C-alpha atoms as a PDB file:
ATOM      1  CA  MET A   1       0.476  59.907  32.888  1.00  0.00           C
ATOM      2  CA  ILE A   2       3.195  57.852  31.484  1.00  0.00           C
ATOM      3  CA  GLN A   3       1.757  54.975  34.325  1.00  0.00           C
ATOM      4  CA  SER A   4      -1.586  55.258  31.928  1.00  0.00           C
ATOM      5  CA  ASP A   5       0.207  54.745  29.542  1.00  0.00           C
ATOM      6  CA  ARG A   6       1.266  51.517  29.495  1.00  0.00           C
ATOM      7  CA  THR A   7      -1.886  50.686  31.421  1.00  0.00           C
ATOM      8  CA  ASP A   8      -3.840  51.973  28.041  1.00  0.00           C
ATOM      9  CA  ARG A   9      -1.635  50.367  25.716  1.00  0.00           C
ATOM     10  CA  ALA A  10      -0.983  46.197  27.853  1.00  0.00           C
ATOM     11  CA  GLN A  11      -4.813  46.112  27.957  1.00  0.00           C
ATOM     12  CA  ALA A  12      -5.101  46.906  23.793  1.00  0.00           C
ATOM     13  CA  GLY A  13      -4.504  43.179  23.134  1.00  0.00           C
ATOM     14  CA  PHE A  14      -2.455  41.843  20.418  1.00  0.00           C
ATOM     15  CA  THR A  15      -1.257  44.522  17.472  1.00  0.00           C
ATOM     16  CA  LEU A  16      -1.902  42.990  14.168  1.00  0.00           C
ATOM     17  CA  LEU A  17       2.190  41.749  13.063  1.00  0.00           C
ATOM     18  CA  GLU A  18       1.035  39.266  17.018  1.00  0.00           C
ATOM     19  CA  VAL A  19      -2.068  37.949  14.275  1.00  0.00           C
ATOM     20  CA  MET A  20      -0.152  37.607  11.243  1.00  0.00           C
ATOM     21  CA  ILE A  21       2.764  35.705  12.651  1.00  0.00           C
ATOM     22  CA  ALA A  22       0.447  33.789  15.264  1.00  0.00           C
ATOM     23  CA  MET A  23      -1.447  32.968  11.517  1.00  0.00           C
ATOM     24  CA  ALA A  24       1.488  32.462  10.311  1.00  0.00           C
ATOM     25  CA  ILE A  25       2.643  30.448  12.555  1.00  0.00           C
ATOM     26  CA  LEU A  26      -0.846  27.628  12.380  1.00  0.00           C
ATOM     27  CA  SER A  27      -1.240  27.879   8.420  1.00  0.00           C
ATOM     28  CA  LEU A  28       2.364  25.829   8.286  1.00  0.00           C
ATOM     29  CA  VAL A  29       1.644  23.788  11.720  1.00  0.00           C
ATOM     30  CA  ALA A  30      -1.952  22.621   9.502  1.00  0.00           C
ATOM     31  CA  VAL A  31      -0.021  22.297   5.967  1.00  0.00           C
ATOM     32  CA  ALA A  32       2.379  19.764   7.492  1.00  0.00           C
ATOM     33  CA  PHE A  33      -0.207  17.746   9.679  1.00  0.00           C
ATOM     34  CA  LEU A  34      -2.485  17.551   5.933  1.00  0.00           C
ATOM     35  CA  ARG A  35       0.271  16.764   4.408  1.00  0.00           C
ATOM     36  CA  ALA A  36       0.577  14.126   7.008  1.00  0.00           C
ATOM     37  CA  GLN A  37      -2.737  13.041   6.612  1.00  0.00           C
ATOM     38  CA  ALA A  38      -2.032  12.383   2.693  1.00  0.00           C
ATOM     39  CA  SER A  39      -0.041  10.595   3.124  1.00  0.00           C
ATOM     40  CA  SER A  40      -0.791   8.052   6.036  1.00  0.00           C
ATOM     41  CA  ILE A  41      -3.691   7.569   3.098  1.00  0.00           C
ATOM     42  CA  ARG A  42      -1.812   7.199   0.778  1.00  0.00           C
ATOM     43  CA  LEU A  43      -0.039   4.011   2.922  1.00  0.00           C
ATOM     44  CA  VAL A  44      -3.010   2.395   3.958  1.00  0.00           C
ATOM     45  CA  ASP A  45      -4.204   2.128   0.554  1.00  0.00           C
ATOM     46  CA  GLU A  46      -0.988   0.688  -0.854  1.00  0.00           C
ATOM     47  CA  SER A  47      -1.628  -1.299   2.225  1.00  0.00           C
ATOM     48  CA  VAL A  48      -5.092  -3.106   1.352  1.00  0.00           C
ATOM     49  CA  GLN A  49      -4.105  -4.342  -2.395  1.00  0.00           C
ATOM     50  CA  ILE A  50      -0.730  -5.761  -0.932  1.00  0.00           C
ATOM     51  CA  SER A  51      -3.048  -7.936   1.341  1.00  0.00           C
ATOM     52  CA  MET A  52      -5.348  -7.693  -1.225  1.00  0.00           C
ATOM     53  CA  ALA A  53      -2.655  -9.556  -3.585  1.00  0.00           C
ATOM     54  CA  THR A  54      -1.833 -11.578  -1.128  1.00  0.00           C
ATOM     55  CA  LEU A  55      -4.627 -13.167  -0.564  1.00  0.00           C
ATOM     56  CA  LEU A  56      -5.231 -13.492  -4.459  1.00  0.00           C
ATOM     57  CA  ALA A  57      -1.696 -15.708  -4.722  1.00  0.00           C
ATOM     58  CA  LYS A  58      -2.598 -17.283  -1.223  1.00  0.00           C
ATOM     59  CA  GLU A  59      -5.529 -18.725  -2.673  1.00  0.00           C
ATOM     60  CA  ARG A  60      -3.468 -19.720  -5.720  1.00  0.00           C
ATOM     61  CA  MET A  61      -0.505 -21.655  -4.409  1.00  0.00           C
ATOM     62  CA  ALA A  62      -3.855 -23.170  -1.978  1.00  0.00           C
ATOM     63  CA  ASP A  63      -5.995 -23.920  -6.356  1.00  0.00           C
ATOM     64  CA  LEU A  64      -1.967 -25.675  -7.246  1.00  0.00           C
ATOM     65  CA  GLU A  65      -1.323 -27.397  -3.778  1.00  0.00           C
ATOM     66  CA  SER A  66      -5.071 -28.498  -4.191  1.00  0.00           C
ATOM     67  CA  ARG A  67      -3.837 -30.812  -7.931  1.00  0.00           C
ATOM     68  CA  GLY A  68      -1.258 -32.832  -5.923  1.00  0.00           C
ATOM     69  CA  PHE A  69       2.176 -32.727  -8.401  1.00  0.00           C
ATOM     70  CA  PRO A  70       0.911 -30.032 -10.647  1.00  0.00           C
ATOM     71  CA  ALA A  71       2.197 -30.479 -14.861  1.00  0.00           C
ATOM     72  CA  PRO A  72       4.572 -27.927 -16.094  1.00  0.00           C
ATOM     73  CA  GLY A  73       3.014 -24.944 -17.800  1.00  0.00           C
ATOM     74  CA  ASP A  74       1.644 -21.939 -17.382  1.00  0.00           C
ATOM     75  CA  ASN A  75      -1.376 -20.546 -16.793  1.00  0.00           C
ATOM     76  CA  SER A  76      -3.696 -16.846 -16.316  1.00  0.00           C
ATOM     77  CA  GLY A  77      -6.672 -14.954 -15.078  1.00  0.00           C
ATOM     78  CA  THR A  78      -8.748 -12.214 -13.819  1.00  0.00           C
ATOM     79  CA  GLY A  79      -8.812 -11.614  -9.540  1.00  0.00           C
ATOM     80  CA  GLY A  80     -12.349 -12.079  -9.859  1.00  0.00           C
ATOM     81  CA  GLU A  81     -15.514 -10.815  -8.268  1.00  0.00           C
ATOM     82  CA  ALA A  82     -13.471 -10.505  -5.199  1.00  0.00           C
ATOM     83  CA  PHE A  83     -10.904  -9.660  -6.725  1.00  0.00           C
ATOM     84  CA  PRO A  84     -11.717  -7.297 -10.451  1.00  0.00           C
ATOM     85  CA  SER A  85      -8.447  -4.953 -10.494  1.00  0.00           C
ATOM     86  CA  PHE A  86      -5.937  -7.652  -9.893  1.00  0.00           C
ATOM     87  CA  ARG A  87      -5.195 -10.443 -12.203  1.00  0.00           C
ATOM     88  CA  TRP A  88      -2.266 -13.466 -11.822  1.00  0.00           C
ATOM     89  CA  GLU A  89      -0.813 -15.749 -13.299  1.00  0.00           C
ATOM     90  CA  HIS A  90       1.752 -19.228 -12.461  1.00  0.00           C
ATOM     91  CA  ILE A  91       3.717 -21.211 -13.876  1.00  0.00           C
ATOM     92  CA  ILE A  92       5.046 -24.570 -13.022  1.00  0.00           C
ATOM     93  CA  SER A  93       8.179 -25.956 -14.105  1.00  0.00           C
ATOM     94  CA  THR A  94      10.823 -29.472 -13.635  1.00  0.00           C
ATOM     95  CA  THR A  95      13.611 -28.379 -11.490  1.00  0.00           C
ATOM     96  CA  GLU A  96      16.728 -30.325 -11.742  1.00  0.00           C
ATOM     97  CA  ILE A  97      15.398 -33.040  -9.425  1.00  0.00           C
ATOM     98  CA  PRO A  98      12.395 -34.657 -11.508  1.00  0.00           C
ATOM     99  CA  ASN A  99       9.928 -35.552  -9.232  1.00  0.00           C
ATOM    100  CA  ILE A 100      10.208 -31.789  -7.381  1.00  0.00           C
ATOM    101  CA  ARG A 101       8.535 -29.383  -9.644  1.00  0.00           C
ATOM    102  CA  LYS A 102       8.698 -25.179  -9.135  1.00  0.00           C
ATOM    103  CA  ALA A 103       5.269 -23.156  -8.389  1.00  0.00           C
ATOM    104  CA  VAL A 104       5.878 -19.299  -8.791  1.00  0.00           C
ATOM    105  CA  VAL A 105       2.901 -17.051  -8.642  1.00  0.00           C
ATOM    106  CA  ARG A 106       3.020 -14.278  -9.280  1.00  0.00           C
ATOM    107  CA  VAL A 107      -0.317 -11.184  -9.030  1.00  0.00           C
ATOM    108  CA  LEU A 108       0.027  -7.800 -11.068  1.00  0.00           C
ATOM    109  CA  TRP A 109      -2.195  -4.952  -9.875  1.00  0.00           C
ATOM    110  CA  ALA A 110      -1.215  -1.383 -10.818  1.00  0.00           C
ATOM    111  CA  GLU A 111      -1.533   1.609  -8.885  1.00  0.00           C
ATOM    112  CA  GLY A 112      -2.018   4.827 -11.188  1.00  0.00           C
ATOM    113  CA  ASP A 113       0.806   4.974 -13.680  1.00  0.00           C
ATOM    114  CA  LEU A 114       3.291   2.017 -11.563  1.00  0.00           C
ATOM    115  CA  LYS A 115       2.758  -1.097 -11.849  1.00  0.00           C
ATOM    116  CA  ARG A 116       2.576  -3.582  -9.140  1.00  0.00           C
ATOM    117  CA  SER A 117       3.025  -7.368  -8.783  1.00  0.00           C
ATOM    118  CA  ILE A 118       3.997  -9.974  -5.522  1.00  0.00           C
ATOM    119  CA  GLU A 119       5.356 -13.656  -6.297  1.00  0.00           C
ATOM    120  CA  LEU A 120       5.347 -16.613  -4.505  1.00  0.00           C
ATOM    121  CA  THR A 121       7.472 -19.265  -5.069  1.00  0.00           C
ATOM    122  CA  ALA A 122       6.977 -23.010  -3.786  1.00  0.00           C
ATOM    123  CA  TYR A 123       8.071 -26.444  -4.676  1.00  0.00           C
ATOM    124  CA  PHE A 124       6.468 -29.647  -4.453  1.00  0.00           C
ATOM    125  CA  ALA A 125       7.121 -33.720  -4.703  1.00  0.00           C
ATOM    126  CA  ARG A 126       5.402 -36.895  -6.208  1.00  0.00           C
ATOM    127  CA  ARG A 127       4.320 -39.175  -3.931  1.00  0.00           C
END
């Protein structure tokens, strides 16, 4: 009789406590996975924003390069249709060497409350 009680108990399945502990462990793993996934999505979005800002900065710098030896001054504008959430500014200044100009292109954008920017610097020589 004692032997049959053990056999019945072993075949009965999981206890409620075992199921609850398994569910708690599973929910902790699920929360950790969802946090990692949300972080991954945020990092991908940030990477896209930085890549687009870099492309706009390179485009603006290429425009300055195509002008040859740019005059000192500054200018600004928006990213246009291709980069609607960005704005740019460039500053061209003289240097200690008269035939060299320094050009700084800065692209600015906002990510929520955070203001972000990327900056490229180049030097142009008179030919």
